[in-house]
């Protein structure tokens, strides 16, 4: 757990580089996305669409994002959700610092930032209308508790959605994850496959739709 925490503290300190990679901004980022993740420009756009597909543009309820990271992908999206009440949670205070700065630059006034752990979310049962997790679950150490906690805080009829890495779809990506991401604490096994994720989410939720773009699964689940 300490290794994972330290890894994302470091990423938070280097947020500019991280943000360029996450947004596929610049030649180096595009080369990395293509070579290691198999995402060209068109696939990257499909990945983004898939990641946010569960949150409608007119969403006006209470939303949890876990983990928010630097907010480089989600906070610009929230600029259109003026009637929503948004809670962004992350374990890394450095990540939260970067996200808070971005929110201030975007003049977002309906977003709260909370330092917290996905295995012990500081919210009541059925508190949220939607829970969003973009590329977080492959980093969580105790995934079973993370799935249970995100479900616990979601209202009946609410939506759990987002994206995560899945193994078995791209050999080069799997080698990169095993030999670079995992040893440095960015990713934490075991990882889901497309089939195992479908099975798990369909056991937890009334309805679960799972798609994928290369090695990234997208999911929209209804409790």
C-alpha atoms as a PDB file:
ATOM      1  CA  UNK A   1       0.000   0.000   0.000  1.00  0.00           C
ATOM      2  CA  UNK A   2       2.870   2.353   0.855  1.00  0.00           C
ATOM      3  CA  UNK A   3       4.476   1.705  -2.526  1.00  0.00           C
ATOM      4  CA  UNK A   4       1.267   2.606  -4.340  1.00  0.00           C
ATOM      5  CA  UNK A   5       0.843   5.758  -2.239  1.00  0.00           C
ATOM      6  CA  UNK A   6       4.432   6.874  -2.879  1.00  0.00           C
ATOM      7  CA  UNK A   7       4.062   6.217  -6.609  1.00  0.00           C
ATOM      8  CA  UNK A   8       1.056   8.506  -6.927  1.00  0.00           C
ATOM      9  CA  UNK A   9       2.588  11.129  -4.656  1.00  0.00           C
ATOM     10  CA  UNK A  10       5.463  11.240  -7.149  1.00  0.00           C
ATOM     11  CA  UNK A  11       3.061  11.454 -10.088  1.00  0.00           C
ATOM     12  CA  UNK A  12       1.288  14.335  -8.370  1.00  0.00           C
ATOM     13  CA  UNK A  13       4.571  16.218  -8.117  1.00  0.00           C
ATOM     14  CA  UNK A  14       5.150  15.634 -11.851  1.00  0.00           C
ATOM     15  CA  UNK A  15       1.562  16.404 -12.801  1.00  0.00           C
ATOM     16  CA  UNK A  16       2.408  18.332 -15.981  1.00  0.00           C
ATOM     17  CA  UNK A  17       4.089  15.299 -17.551  1.00  0.00           C
ATOM     18  CA  UNK A  18       1.335  13.017 -16.303  1.00  0.00           C
ATOM     19  CA  UNK A  19      -1.361  15.284 -17.708  1.00  0.00           C
ATOM     20  CA  UNK A  20       0.274  15.418 -21.138  1.00  0.00           C
ATOM     21  CA  UNK A  21       0.369  11.626 -21.201  1.00  0.00           C
ATOM     22  CA  UNK A  22      -3.248  11.248 -20.069  1.00  0.00           C
ATOM     23  CA  UNK A  23      -4.491  13.721 -22.661  1.00  0.00           C
ATOM     24  CA  UNK A  24      -2.335  12.311 -25.489  1.00  0.00           C
ATOM     25  CA  UNK A  25      -0.823  15.787 -25.869  1.00  0.00           C
ATOM     26  CA  UNK A  26       2.396  16.030 -27.850  1.00  0.00           C
ATOM     27  CA  UNK A  27       4.474  13.711 -29.983  1.00  0.00           C
ATOM     28  CA  UNK A  28       6.095  11.843 -27.077  1.00  0.00           C
ATOM     29  CA  UNK A  29       2.719  11.178 -25.438  1.00  0.00           C
ATOM     30  CA  UNK A  30       1.219   9.986 -28.708  1.00  0.00           C
ATOM     31  CA  UNK A  31       4.139   7.623 -29.281  1.00  0.00           C
ATOM     32  CA  UNK A  32       3.815   6.152 -25.792  1.00  0.00           C
ATOM     33  CA  UNK A  33       0.055   5.761 -26.155  1.00  0.00           C
ATOM     34  CA  UNK A  34       0.469   4.026 -29.484  1.00  0.00           C
ATOM     35  CA  UNK A  35       3.439   1.789 -28.639  1.00  0.00           C
ATOM     36  CA  UNK A  36       2.607   0.696 -25.080  1.00  0.00           C
ATOM     37  CA  UNK A  37      -1.173   1.052 -24.924  1.00  0.00           C
ATOM     38  CA  UNK A  38      -2.070   0.459 -28.573  1.00  0.00           C
ATOM     39  CA  UNK A  39      -4.079   3.682 -28.724  1.00  0.00           C
ATOM     40  CA  UNK A  40      -3.793   5.803 -31.842  1.00  0.00           C
ATOM     41  CA  UNK A  41      -5.652   9.125 -32.055  1.00  0.00           C
ATOM     42  CA  UNK A  42      -8.918   7.491 -33.096  1.00  0.00           C
ATOM     43  CA  UNK A  43      -8.727   4.782 -30.417  1.00  0.00           C
ATOM     44  CA  UNK A  44      -7.884   7.368 -27.775  1.00  0.00           C
ATOM     45  CA  UNK A  45     -11.036   9.338 -28.598  1.00  0.00           C
ATOM     46  CA  UNK A  46     -13.047   6.113 -28.340  1.00  0.00           C
ATOM     47  CA  UNK A  47     -11.446   5.460 -24.946  1.00  0.00           C
ATOM     48  CA  UNK A  48     -12.510   8.904 -23.692  1.00  0.00           C
ATOM     49  CA  UNK A  49     -16.055   8.455 -24.979  1.00  0.00           C
ATOM     50  CA  UNK A  50     -16.219   5.038 -23.319  1.00  0.00           C
ATOM     51  CA  UNK A  51     -14.878   6.340 -19.989  1.00  0.00           C
ATOM     52  CA  UNK A  52     -17.572   9.027 -19.624  1.00  0.00           C
ATOM     53  CA  UNK A  53     -20.443   7.237 -21.343  1.00  0.00           C
ATOM     54  CA  UNK A  54     -22.299   6.603 -18.087  1.00  0.00           C
ATOM     55  CA  UNK A  55     -22.610  10.287 -17.115  1.00  0.00           C
ATOM     56  CA  UNK A  56     -25.142  12.199 -19.250  1.00  0.00           C
ATOM     57  CA  UNK A  57     -24.421  15.805 -20.164  1.00  0.00           C
ATOM     58  CA  UNK A  58     -27.508  16.917 -18.235  1.00  0.00           C
ATOM     59  CA  UNK A  59     -26.613  14.996 -15.050  1.00  0.00           C
ATOM     60  CA  UNK A  60     -27.842  16.923 -12.024  1.00  0.00           C
ATOM     61  CA  UNK A  61     -27.480  14.542  -9.091  1.00  0.00           C
ATOM     62  CA  UNK A  62     -24.758  13.799  -6.570  1.00  0.00           C
ATOM     63  CA  UNK A  63     -21.616  12.336  -8.152  1.00  0.00           C
ATOM     64  CA  UNK A  64     -18.548  10.667  -6.645  1.00  0.00           C
ATOM     65  CA  UNK A  65     -15.316  10.342  -8.606  1.00  0.00           C
ATOM     66  CA  UNK A  66     -12.765   7.927  -7.154  1.00  0.00           C
ATOM     67  CA  UNK A  67      -9.858   8.437  -7.715  1.00  0.00           C
ATOM     68  CA  UNK A  68      -9.789  11.899  -9.268  1.00  0.00           C
ATOM     69  CA  UNK A  69      -6.016  11.999  -9.826  1.00  0.00           C
ATOM     70  CA  UNK A  70      -5.087  15.412 -11.199  1.00  0.00           C
ATOM     71  CA  UNK A  71      -8.555  15.808 -12.697  1.00  0.00           C
ATOM     72  CA  UNK A  72      -7.066  16.332 -16.144  1.00  0.00           C
ATOM     73  CA  UNK A  73      -9.765  14.251 -17.848  1.00  0.00           C
ATOM     74  CA  UNK A  74     -12.773  14.727 -15.599  1.00  0.00           C
ATOM     75  CA  UNK A  75     -12.711  18.353 -14.443  1.00  0.00           C
ATOM     76  CA  UNK A  76     -13.156  19.848 -17.933  1.00  0.00           C
ATOM     77  CA  UNK A  77     -16.097  17.465 -18.370  1.00  0.00           C
ATOM     78  CA  UNK A  78     -17.639  18.761 -15.120  1.00  0.00           C
ATOM     79  CA  UNK A  79     -17.744  22.302 -16.501  1.00  0.00           C
ATOM     80  CA  UNK A  80     -20.983  21.303 -18.216  1.00  0.00           C
ATOM     81  CA  UNK A  81     -22.571  19.767 -15.110  1.00  0.00           C
ATOM     82  CA  UNK A  82     -23.606  23.005 -13.436  1.00  0.00           C
ATOM     83  CA  UNK A  83     -26.486  21.457 -11.492  1.00  0.00           C
ATOM     84  CA  UNK A  84     -24.537  18.480 -10.148  1.00  0.00           C
ATOM     85  CA  UNK A  85     -22.958  18.136  -6.700  1.00  0.00           C
ATOM     86  CA  UNK A  86     -19.551  16.551  -7.260  1.00  0.00           C
ATOM     87  CA  UNK A  87     -17.211  14.926  -4.747  1.00  0.00           C
ATOM     88  CA  UNK A  88     -13.677  14.085  -5.917  1.00  0.00           C
ATOM     89  CA  UNK A  89     -11.682  11.681  -3.750  1.00  0.00           C
ATOM     90  CA  UNK A  90      -8.052  10.603  -3.944  1.00  0.00           C
ATOM     91  CA  UNK A  91      -5.568   9.070  -1.518  1.00  0.00           C
ATOM     92  CA  UNK A  92      -2.691  11.254  -2.731  1.00  0.00           C
ATOM     93  CA  UNK A  93      -2.658  14.806  -1.424  1.00  0.00           C
ATOM     94  CA  UNK A  94      -0.277  15.763  -4.246  1.00  0.00           C
ATOM     95  CA  UNK A  95      -2.805  14.577  -6.819  1.00  0.00           C
ATOM     96  CA  UNK A  96      -5.529  16.502  -5.004  1.00  0.00           C
ATOM     97  CA  UNK A  97      -3.402  19.665  -4.964  1.00  0.00           C
ATOM     98  CA  UNK A  98      -3.065  19.465  -8.758  1.00  0.00           C
ATOM     99  CA  UNK A  99      -6.802  18.803  -9.143  1.00  0.00           C
ATOM    100  CA  UNK A 100      -7.744  21.715  -6.874  1.00  0.00           C
ATOM    101  CA  UNK A 101      -5.554  24.068  -8.892  1.00  0.00           C
ATOM    102  CA  UNK A 102      -7.157  22.901 -12.138  1.00  0.00           C
ATOM    103  CA  UNK A 103     -10.676  23.326 -10.670  1.00  0.00           C
ATOM    104  CA  UNK A 104      -9.820  26.886  -9.655  1.00  0.00           C
ATOM    105  CA  UNK A 105      -8.509  27.630 -13.144  1.00  0.00           C
ATOM    106  CA  UNK A 106     -11.745  26.256 -14.616  1.00  0.00           C
ATOM    107  CA  UNK A 107     -13.826  28.242 -12.091  1.00  0.00           C
ATOM    108  CA  UNK A 108     -15.603  25.094 -10.903  1.00  0.00           C
ATOM    109  CA  UNK A 109     -17.692  25.896  -7.828  1.00  0.00           C
ATOM    110  CA  UNK A 110     -19.718  22.702  -7.413  1.00  0.00           C
ATOM    111  CA  UNK A 111     -16.797  20.323  -6.776  1.00  0.00           C
ATOM    112  CA  UNK A 112     -15.478  19.224  -3.382  1.00  0.00           C
ATOM    113  CA  UNK A 113     -12.089  17.541  -2.908  1.00  0.00           C
ATOM    114  CA  UNK A 114     -11.582  14.972  -0.179  1.00  0.00           C
ATOM    115  CA  UNK A 115      -8.512  12.923   0.720  1.00  0.00           C
ATOM    116  CA  UNK A 116      -9.776   9.390   1.269  1.00  0.00           C
ATOM    117  CA  UNK A 117      -9.283   5.686   0.706  1.00  0.00           C
ATOM    118  CA  UNK A 118     -11.564   3.662  -1.582  1.00  0.00           C
ATOM    119  CA  UNK A 119     -11.557   0.828   0.975  1.00  0.00           C
ATOM    120  CA  UNK A 120     -13.174   3.111   3.589  1.00  0.00           C
ATOM    121  CA  UNK A 121     -15.172   5.828   1.858  1.00  0.00           C
ATOM    122  CA  UNK A 122     -16.312   8.605   4.243  1.00  0.00           C
ATOM    123  CA  UNK A 123     -19.912   8.632   3.025  1.00  0.00           C
ATOM    124  CA  UNK A 124     -23.239   7.161   4.141  1.00  0.00           C
ATOM    125  CA  UNK A 125     -24.863   4.218   2.408  1.00  0.00           C
ATOM    126  CA  UNK A 126     -26.699   5.137  -0.823  1.00  0.00           C
ATOM    127  CA  UNK A 127     -25.374   8.705  -0.775  1.00  0.00           C
ATOM    128  CA  UNK A 128     -24.628   9.116  -4.503  1.00  0.00           C
ATOM    129  CA  UNK A 129     -26.652   9.035  -7.699  1.00  0.00           C
ATOM    130  CA  UNK A 130     -23.554   8.073  -9.677  1.00  0.00           C
ATOM    131  CA  UNK A 131     -20.028   6.815  -8.999  1.00  0.00           C
ATOM    132  CA  UNK A 132     -17.339   7.370 -11.638  1.00  0.00           C
ATOM    133  CA  UNK A 133     -13.934   5.672 -11.648  1.00  0.00           C
ATOM    134  CA  UNK A 134     -11.588   6.406 -14.534  1.00  0.00           C
ATOM    135  CA  UNK A 135      -8.535   4.138 -14.623  1.00  0.00           C
ATOM    136  CA  UNK A 136      -8.489   3.602 -10.880  1.00  0.00           C
ATOM    137  CA  UNK A 137      -9.398   0.009 -10.158  1.00  0.00           C
ATOM    138  CA  UNK A 138      -6.253  -1.464 -11.675  1.00  0.00           C
ATOM    139  CA  UNK A 139      -4.270   0.541  -9.084  1.00  0.00           C
ATOM    140  CA  UNK A 140      -6.369  -0.389  -6.049  1.00  0.00           C
ATOM    141  CA  UNK A 141      -4.717  -2.999  -3.864  1.00  0.00           C
ATOM    142  CA  UNK A 142      -7.882  -4.520  -2.372  1.00  0.00           C
ATOM    143  CA  UNK A 143     -10.225  -4.583  -5.339  1.00  0.00           C
ATOM    144  CA  UNK A 144     -12.931  -6.649  -3.635  1.00  0.00           C
ATOM    145  CA  UNK A 145     -13.394  -4.000  -0.938  1.00  0.00           C
ATOM    146  CA  UNK A 146     -13.182  -1.230  -3.561  1.00  0.00           C
ATOM    147  CA  UNK A 147     -16.027  -2.820  -5.534  1.00  0.00           C
ATOM    148  CA  UNK A 148     -18.037  -3.275  -2.331  1.00  0.00           C
ATOM    149  CA  UNK A 149     -17.496   0.299  -1.107  1.00  0.00           C
ATOM    150  CA  UNK A 150     -18.335   1.971  -4.412  1.00  0.00           C
ATOM    151  CA  UNK A 151     -21.518  -0.093  -4.520  1.00  0.00           C
ATOM    152  CA  UNK A 152     -22.385   0.674  -0.876  1.00  0.00           C
ATOM    153  CA  UNK A 153     -22.399   4.451  -1.356  1.00  0.00           C
ATOM    154  CA  UNK A 154     -24.488   4.247  -4.535  1.00  0.00           C
ATOM    155  CA  UNK A 155     -28.250   4.694  -4.413  1.00  0.00           C
ATOM    156  CA  UNK A 156     -30.593   1.998  -5.656  1.00  0.00           C
ATOM    157  CA  UNK A 157     -31.041   2.741  -9.351  1.00  0.00           C
ATOM    158  CA  UNK A 158     -27.787   4.692  -9.420  1.00  0.00           C
ATOM    159  CA  UNK A 159     -25.004   4.249 -11.959  1.00  0.00           C
ATOM    160  CA  UNK A 160     -21.454   2.981 -11.449  1.00  0.00           C
ATOM    161  CA  UNK A 161     -19.336   3.695 -14.508  1.00  0.00           C
ATOM    162  CA  UNK A 162     -15.885   4.434 -15.850  1.00  0.00           C
ATOM    163  CA  UNK A 163     -12.898   2.560 -17.208  1.00  0.00           C
ATOM    164  CA  UNK A 164     -10.008   0.340 -16.154  1.00  0.00           C
ATOM    165  CA  UNK A 165      -7.118  -1.679 -17.549  1.00  0.00           C
ATOM    166  CA  UNK A 166      -7.886  -5.288 -18.401  1.00  0.00           C
ATOM    167  CA  UNK A 167      -5.303  -7.921 -19.235  1.00  0.00           C
ATOM    168  CA  UNK A 168      -5.318 -10.302 -22.179  1.00  0.00           C
ATOM    169  CA  UNK A 169      -6.235  -7.832 -24.946  1.00  0.00           C
ATOM    170  CA  UNK A 170      -2.788  -6.608 -25.986  1.00  0.00           C
ATOM    171  CA  UNK A 171       0.413  -8.558 -25.268  1.00  0.00           C
ATOM    172  CA  UNK A 172       2.667  -5.488 -25.455  1.00  0.00           C
ATOM    173  CA  UNK A 173       0.460  -3.608 -22.999  1.00  0.00           C
ATOM    174  CA  UNK A 174       0.417  -6.564 -20.600  1.00  0.00           C
ATOM    175  CA  UNK A 175       4.232  -6.771 -20.697  1.00  0.00           C
ATOM    176  CA  UNK A 176       4.478  -3.018 -20.056  1.00  0.00           C
ATOM    177  CA  UNK A 177       2.129  -3.275 -17.086  1.00  0.00           C
ATOM    178  CA  UNK A 178       3.964  -6.259 -15.583  1.00  0.00           C
ATOM    179  CA  UNK A 179       7.480  -4.931 -16.129  1.00  0.00           C
ATOM    180  CA  UNK A 180       7.064  -1.184 -15.652  1.00  0.00           C
ATOM    181  CA  UNK A 181       3.775  -0.175 -14.019  1.00  0.00           C
ATOM    182  CA  UNK A 182       3.485  -2.900 -11.368  1.00  0.00           C
ATOM    183  CA  UNK A 183       7.085  -2.752 -10.021  1.00  0.00           C
ATOM    184  CA  UNK A 184       6.792   1.015  -9.573  1.00  0.00           C
ATOM    185  CA  UNK A 185       3.474   0.808  -7.729  1.00  0.00           C
ATOM    186  CA  UNK A 186       1.296   2.372 -10.435  1.00  0.00           C
ATOM    187  CA  UNK A 187      -0.730  -0.823 -10.963  1.00  0.00           C
ATOM    188  CA  UNK A 188      -1.594  -3.543  -8.469  1.00  0.00           C
ATOM    189  CA  UNK A 189      -2.505  -7.154  -9.385  1.00  0.00           C
ATOM    190  CA  UNK A 190      -4.634  -9.155  -9.756  1.00  0.00           C
ATOM    191  CA  UNK A 191      -6.115  -7.635 -12.912  1.00  0.00           C
ATOM    192  CA  UNK A 192      -9.475  -8.323 -14.480  1.00  0.00           C
ATOM    193  CA  UNK A 193      -9.946  -9.749 -17.950  1.00  0.00           C
ATOM    194  CA  UNK A 194     -12.863  -8.669 -20.106  1.00  0.00           C
ATOM    195  CA  UNK A 195     -14.756 -11.841 -19.177  1.00  0.00           C
ATOM    196  CA  UNK A 196     -13.977 -11.718 -15.452  1.00  0.00           C
ATOM    197  CA  UNK A 197     -14.991  -8.059 -15.241  1.00  0.00           C
ATOM    198  CA  UNK A 198     -18.285  -8.756 -17.010  1.00  0.00           C
ATOM    199  CA  UNK A 199     -18.973 -11.639 -14.631  1.00  0.00           C
ATOM    200  CA  UNK A 200     -18.095  -9.652 -11.512  1.00  0.00           C
ATOM    201  CA  UNK A 201     -20.149  -6.581 -12.401  1.00  0.00           C
ATOM    202  CA  UNK A 202     -23.166  -8.657 -13.420  1.00  0.00           C
ATOM    203  CA  UNK A 203     -23.058 -10.348 -10.024  1.00  0.00           C
ATOM    204  CA  UNK A 204     -22.911  -6.997  -8.214  1.00  0.00           C
ATOM    205  CA  UNK A 205     -25.396  -4.969 -10.260  1.00  0.00           C
ATOM    206  CA  UNK A 206     -28.879  -5.320 -11.679  1.00  0.00           C
ATOM    207  CA  UNK A 207     -27.577  -4.416 -15.126  1.00  0.00           C
ATOM    208  CA  UNK A 208     -23.973  -4.168 -16.337  1.00  0.00           C
ATOM    209  CA  UNK A 209     -22.698  -3.272 -19.792  1.00  0.00           C
ATOM    210  CA  UNK A 210     -18.968  -3.778 -20.444  1.00  0.00           C
ATOM    211  CA  UNK A 211     -17.131  -2.661 -23.580  1.00  0.00           C
ATOM    212  CA  UNK A 212     -13.446  -2.237 -24.372  1.00  0.00           C
ATOM    213  CA  UNK A 213     -11.035  -0.225 -26.475  1.00  0.00           C
ATOM    214  CA  UNK A 214      -7.786  -2.185 -26.689  1.00  0.00           C
ATOM    215  CA  UNK A 215      -6.721  -2.884 -23.080  1.00  0.00           C
ATOM    216  CA  UNK A 216      -9.203  -0.494 -21.449  1.00  0.00           C
ATOM    217  CA  UNK A 217     -12.633  -1.695 -20.429  1.00  0.00           C
ATOM    218  CA  UNK A 218     -15.538   0.697 -20.125  1.00  0.00           C
ATOM    219  CA  UNK A 219     -18.448  -0.152 -17.839  1.00  0.00           C
ATOM    220  CA  UNK A 220     -21.911   1.211 -17.107  1.00  0.00           C
ATOM    221  CA  UNK A 221     -23.728  -0.535 -14.260  1.00  0.00           C
ATOM    222  CA  UNK A 222     -27.097   0.092 -12.640  1.00  0.00           C
ATOM    223  CA  UNK A 223     -27.629  -0.851  -9.007  1.00  0.00           C
END
